[in-house]
Amino acid sequence: MAYTLYKFEAFNADEVINVIGADQRLAQLQLRLALLGLGYRKEALNLIHYDYEMVRLPGIRMSGRRGRFVDMDSILDSLKIRAEEEVRKRNPDADAAWIGRVSEQIAVGALRFTLIRTSAPRPVVFDPEKVLNLEENTGPYLQYTHARACGIMKKHGSIDFESINYEACNESRRRNLLLMTMRYPMVAAKAADDMAPEDLATYLLKLADEFNSWYQVDPVIREPDVGARECKALIVDYFRQTMKHGLELLGVPAPERM
């Protein structure tokens, strides 16, 4: 109780959000009732319990009392080893230091995204075999899509804004991707207001799917028409910036090459 009052006073906070497991629901409710009973009405009404369920691993029934658990460092180390194998396979001539750095970013991204994409009241089943998938619904999938956009812009170079044919954006696939990307500020703001980061994660997955389905049938670099090419490059760069910002907002690193 004293700690809660300290947080309100020391930080002049309008709200205090306690991020604690779902097993503490009763204790947090009792805390609010006690504050209310002692006359701290403002604090009691603005104390929020952001409760979350537990993380489970396939085939492992963890128990703190029996000493059966898997710690975060072990999971990160395991993910990094797996990521290094994939990065080295895709970049056989890359510098060892770069491989290590990117592999760690992938491991952190895989872990954080898996934990955050599931709504807090639902238990998380963390399967190390699936969270590193570069092809679907994972943190590394989003990282890889961002890196792909970075690669396109690196090959293209600077955008010639004077040559852009903005009418070329009216093509249905380009328009859909552009409009979906433009929704980002609204989605991010609402996710913050609702304390639902999983909504932002879902949006980024859909945005990545839209980008990947578009660029495979409407390539940028090989576009012969200069105005259309610069228009498509603008869309790619807008997507790149949006994906980078969204990933970083979720605490997921956004490497430019993988």
Protein backbone atom coordinates (compact mmCIF):
# COMPACT_ATOMS: atom_id res chain seq x y z
CA MET A 1 0.00 0.00 0.00
CA ALA A 2 2.81 2.39 0.89
CA TYR A 3 4.59 1.56 -2.36
CA THR A 4 1.45 2.29 -4.36
CA LEU A 5 1.02 5.70 -2.70
CA TYR A 6 4.72 6.39 -3.28
CA LYS A 7 4.31 5.74 -7.03
CA PHE A 8 1.44 8.19 -7.24
CA GLU A 9 3.27 10.88 -5.27
CA ALA A 10 6.84 10.47 -6.51
CA PHE A 11 5.88 10.56 -10.18
CA ASN A 12 2.81 12.78 -9.86
CA ALA A 13 1.01 10.00 -11.72
CA ASP A 14 -2.54 10.24 -13.01
CA GLU A 15 -2.69 6.45 -13.20
CA VAL A 16 -0.57 3.61 -11.83
CA ILE A 17 -0.55 0.33 -13.73
CA ASN A 18 0.59 -2.73 -11.82
CA VAL A 19 1.73 -5.43 -14.24
CA ILE A 20 1.28 -8.59 -12.17
CA GLY A 21 0.10 -12.12 -12.87
CA ALA A 22 -3.57 -13.10 -12.90
CA ASP A 23 -3.09 -15.03 -9.65
CA GLN A 24 -2.83 -11.64 -7.88
CA ARG A 25 -6.31 -10.44 -8.87
CA LEU A 26 -7.76 -10.81 -5.38
CA ALA A 27 -4.77 -9.15 -3.71
CA GLN A 28 -4.91 -6.22 -6.13
CA LEU A 29 -8.65 -5.82 -5.54
CA GLN A 30 -8.09 -5.86 -1.78
CA LEU A 31 -5.41 -3.21 -2.20
CA ARG A 32 -7.80 -0.90 -4.05
CA LEU A 33 -10.53 -1.46 -1.45
CA ALA A 34 -8.10 -0.71 1.37
CA LEU A 35 -6.99 2.52 -0.29
CA LEU A 36 -10.62 3.52 -0.77
CA GLY A 37 -11.43 2.73 2.86
CA LEU A 38 -8.53 4.88 4.07
CA GLY A 39 -9.72 7.85 2.04
CA TYR A 40 -7.38 7.58 -0.94
CA ARG A 41 -10.25 7.70 -3.42
CA LYS A 42 -8.30 9.13 -6.36
CA GLU A 43 -5.53 6.55 -6.00
CA ALA A 44 -7.98 3.66 -5.59
CA LEU A 45 -9.93 4.60 -8.72
CA ASN A 46 -6.80 5.11 -10.80
CA LEU A 47 -4.88 2.01 -9.75
CA ILE A 48 -5.02 -0.45 -12.65
CA HIS A 49 -4.12 -4.12 -12.45
CA TYR A 50 -2.84 -5.28 -15.83
CA ASP A 51 -3.07 -8.99 -15.15
CA TYR A 52 -1.54 -11.62 -17.40
CA GLU A 53 -1.64 -15.38 -17.57
CA MET A 54 1.34 -17.70 -17.32
CA VAL A 55 3.76 -18.83 -20.05
CA ARG A 56 3.80 -22.56 -20.76
CA LEU A 57 6.28 -24.67 -22.70
CA PRO A 58 5.19 -27.72 -24.72
CA GLY A 59 5.82 -30.93 -22.81
CA ILE A 60 7.04 -29.17 -19.66
CA ARG A 61 4.87 -28.65 -16.59
CA MET A 62 6.65 -25.97 -14.63
CA SER A 63 6.41 -25.79 -10.86
CA GLY A 64 8.21 -23.22 -8.70
CA ARG A 65 7.74 -25.30 -5.54
CA ARG A 66 9.29 -28.38 -7.14
CA GLY A 67 12.06 -26.41 -8.84
CA ARG A 68 10.89 -27.29 -12.34
CA PHE A 69 11.19 -24.20 -14.50
CA VAL A 70 12.97 -22.78 -17.52
CA ASP A 71 14.62 -19.39 -17.07
CA MET A 72 14.59 -16.57 -19.61
CA ASP A 73 18.35 -16.64 -20.25
CA SER A 74 18.24 -20.31 -21.23
CA ILE A 75 15.43 -19.69 -23.70
CA LEU A 76 17.24 -16.70 -25.23
CA ASP A 77 20.47 -18.67 -25.56
CA SER A 78 18.64 -21.53 -27.26
CA LEU A 79 16.85 -19.17 -29.65
CA LYS A 80 20.10 -17.39 -30.50
CA ILE A 81 21.82 -20.68 -31.39
CA ARG A 82 18.94 -21.62 -33.69
CA ALA A 83 18.90 -18.14 -35.23
CA GLU A 84 22.64 -18.25 -35.88
CA GLU A 85 22.24 -21.44 -37.90
CA GLU A 86 19.63 -19.82 -40.13
CA VAL A 87 21.49 -16.50 -40.52
CA ARG A 88 24.77 -18.25 -41.35
CA LYS A 89 22.97 -20.43 -43.91
CA ARG A 90 21.52 -17.36 -45.62
CA ASN A 91 24.73 -15.30 -45.31
CA PRO A 92 27.66 -17.76 -45.55
CA ASP A 93 30.24 -15.03 -46.18
CA ALA A 94 29.05 -12.65 -43.45
CA ASP A 95 31.24 -11.43 -40.62
CA ALA A 96 30.96 -13.51 -37.44
CA ALA A 97 30.33 -10.44 -35.28
CA TRP A 98 27.46 -9.35 -37.54
CA ILE A 99 25.96 -12.86 -37.47
CA GLY A 100 26.09 -12.86 -33.68
CA ARG A 101 24.53 -9.41 -33.40
CA VAL A 102 21.67 -10.13 -35.81
CA SER A 103 21.04 -13.55 -34.27
CA GLU A 104 20.62 -11.95 -30.87
CA GLN A 105 18.19 -9.40 -32.34
CA ILE A 106 16.19 -12.23 -33.89
CA ALA A 107 16.14 -14.19 -30.63
CA VAL A 108 14.96 -11.16 -28.64
CA GLY A 109 12.37 -10.35 -31.30
CA ALA A 110 11.05 -13.92 -31.35
CA LEU A 111 10.65 -14.00 -27.59
CA ARG A 112 9.14 -10.57 -27.11
CA PHE A 113 6.71 -10.82 -29.99
CA THR A 114 5.46 -14.24 -28.91
CA LEU A 115 4.74 -12.95 -25.42
CA ILE A 116 3.07 -9.75 -26.58
CA ARG A 117 0.94 -10.98 -29.47
CA THR A 118 -1.31 -13.00 -27.14
CA SER A 119 -3.83 -10.99 -25.12
CA ALA A 120 -2.95 -10.81 -21.44
CA PRO A 121 -5.88 -12.91 -20.10
CA ARG A 122 -4.89 -15.87 -22.29
CA PRO A 123 -2.06 -18.29 -21.40
CA VAL A 124 0.94 -18.24 -23.75
CA VAL A 125 2.21 -21.52 -25.17
CA PHE A 126 5.82 -20.82 -26.10
CA ASP A 127 7.07 -23.29 -28.69
CA PRO A 128 10.75 -22.67 -29.59
CA GLU A 129 10.27 -24.69 -32.78
CA LYS A 130 7.69 -22.23 -34.13
CA VAL A 131 8.70 -18.79 -32.87
CA LEU A 132 11.68 -18.50 -35.27
CA ASN A 133 9.62 -19.16 -38.40
CA LEU A 134 10.51 -16.53 -41.01
CA GLU A 135 7.45 -17.24 -43.13
CA GLU A 136 4.45 -16.67 -40.88
CA ASN A 137 3.05 -14.94 -37.79
CA THR A 138 6.21 -14.48 -35.75
CA GLY A 139 8.54 -11.69 -34.69
CA PRO A 140 11.28 -12.90 -37.06
CA TYR A 141 8.72 -12.91 -39.89
CA LEU A 142 8.11 -9.20 -39.31
CA GLN A 143 11.84 -8.55 -38.93
CA TYR A 144 12.54 -10.38 -42.19
CA THR A 145 9.82 -8.45 -44.00
CA HIS A 146 11.29 -5.17 -42.73
CA ALA A 147 14.76 -6.28 -43.85
CA ARG A 148 13.33 -7.17 -47.25
CA ALA A 149 11.94 -3.64 -47.63
CA CYS A 150 15.31 -2.23 -46.55
CA GLY A 151 17.00 -4.39 -49.20
CA ILE A 152 14.69 -3.07 -51.91
CA MET A 153 15.41 0.52 -50.94
CA LYS A 154 19.14 -0.15 -50.82
CA LYS A 155 19.05 -1.47 -54.39
CA HIS A 156 16.82 1.36 -55.54
CA GLY A 157 18.71 4.21 -53.90
CA SER A 158 17.27 7.64 -53.16
CA ILE A 159 13.74 8.37 -54.32
CA ASP A 160 13.41 10.91 -57.12
CA PHE A 161 10.37 12.77 -55.81
CA GLU A 162 10.21 15.00 -58.89
CA SER A 163 9.65 11.96 -61.12
CA ILE A 164 6.91 10.27 -59.07
CA ASN A 165 3.72 9.55 -60.97
CA TYR A 166 1.22 9.67 -58.12
CA GLU A 167 -1.53 8.35 -60.40
CA ALA A 168 0.33 5.04 -60.34
CA CYS A 169 -0.70 4.65 -56.68
CA ASN A 170 -4.28 4.08 -57.84
CA GLU A 171 -3.46 0.51 -58.87
CA SER A 172 -5.53 -1.64 -56.50
CA ARG A 173 -2.74 -3.55 -54.71
CA ARG A 174 -0.60 -0.45 -54.26
CA ARG A 175 -3.57 1.54 -53.02
CA ASN A 176 -4.58 -1.15 -50.53
CA LEU A 177 -1.07 -1.34 -49.08
CA LEU A 178 -0.79 2.43 -48.89
CA LEU A 179 -4.14 2.82 -47.14
CA MET A 180 -3.35 0.01 -44.70
CA THR A 181 0.00 1.61 -43.88
CA MET A 182 -1.68 4.97 -43.28
CA ARG A 183 -3.83 3.39 -40.56
CA TYR A 184 -0.78 2.84 -38.36
CA PRO A 185 -0.98 5.99 -36.17
CA MET A 186 -4.63 5.28 -35.32
CA VAL A 187 -3.96 1.59 -34.58
CA ALA A 188 -0.94 2.37 -32.39
CA ALA A 189 -2.79 5.08 -30.45
CA LYS A 190 -5.81 2.86 -29.82
CA ALA A 191 -3.61 -0.06 -28.74
CA ALA A 192 -1.95 2.23 -26.21
CA ASP A 193 -5.27 3.60 -24.93
CA ASP A 194 -6.73 0.09 -24.60
CA MET A 195 -3.51 -1.35 -23.14
CA ALA A 196 -3.73 -3.97 -25.87
CA PRO A 197 -0.33 -4.29 -27.57
CA GLU A 198 -1.58 -7.50 -29.17
CA ASP A 199 -3.80 -5.35 -31.42
CA LEU A 200 -0.72 -3.58 -32.78
CA ALA A 201 1.01 -6.95 -33.24
CA THR A 202 -1.97 -8.28 -35.22
CA TYR A 203 -1.99 -5.16 -37.40
CA LEU A 204 1.73 -5.48 -38.18
CA LEU A 205 1.25 -9.12 -39.21
CA LYS A 206 -1.56 -8.18 -41.59
CA LEU A 207 0.49 -5.28 -42.94
CA ALA A 208 3.46 -7.58 -43.57
CA ASP A 209 1.20 -10.08 -45.35
CA GLU A 210 -0.16 -7.30 -47.55
CA PHE A 211 3.34 -6.08 -48.41
CA ASN A 212 4.68 -9.55 -49.23
CA SER A 213 1.73 -10.47 -51.42
CA TRP A 214 2.08 -7.14 -53.28
CA TYR A 215 5.79 -6.91 -53.96
CA GLN A 216 6.01 -10.48 -55.31
CA VAL A 217 3.65 -9.65 -58.18
CA ASP A 218 4.54 -5.96 -58.61
CA PRO A 219 8.35 -5.65 -58.39
CA VAL A 220 9.93 -2.27 -57.79
CA ILE A 221 13.45 -2.48 -59.19
CA ARG A 222 12.44 -4.04 -62.52
CA GLU A 223 9.62 -1.54 -63.18
CA PRO A 224 10.43 0.04 -66.58
CA ASP A 225 8.26 3.14 -66.12
CA VAL A 226 10.21 5.73 -64.12
CA GLY A 227 7.17 7.45 -62.61
CA ALA A 228 5.59 4.18 -61.51
CA ARG A 229 8.91 2.89 -60.15
CA GLU A 230 9.43 5.97 -57.98
CA CYS A 231 5.83 5.72 -56.80
CA LYS A 232 6.33 2.09 -55.77
CA ALA A 233 9.63 2.95 -54.09
CA LEU A 234 7.81 5.61 -52.07
CA ILE A 235 5.26 3.01 -50.92
CA VAL A 236 8.05 0.58 -49.95
CA ASP A 237 9.88 3.27 -47.96
CA TYR A 238 6.68 4.33 -46.20
CA PHE A 239 6.02 0.69 -45.30
CA ARG A 240 9.64 0.29 -44.11
CA GLN A 241 9.42 3.28 -41.78
CA THR A 242 6.06 2.17 -40.41
CA MET A 243 7.18 -1.40 -39.76
CA LYS A 244 10.38 -0.22 -38.07
CA HIS A 245 8.46 2.15 -35.79
CA GLY A 246 5.85 -0.50 -34.95
CA LEU A 247 8.45 -3.14 -34.12
CA GLU A 248 10.43 -0.77 -31.92
CA LEU A 249 7.23 0.30 -30.17
CA LEU A 250 6.73 -3.37 -29.22
CA GLY A 251 10.36 -3.68 -28.11
CA VAL A 252 11.32 -5.82 -31.11
CA PRO A 253 14.63 -4.98 -32.86
CA ALA A 254 14.35 -4.14 -36.57
CA PRO A 255 17.56 -5.27 -38.34
CA GLU A 256 18.07 -3.95 -41.88
CA ARG A 257 19.55 -7.22 -43.10
CA MET A 258 18.98 -10.84 -42.13
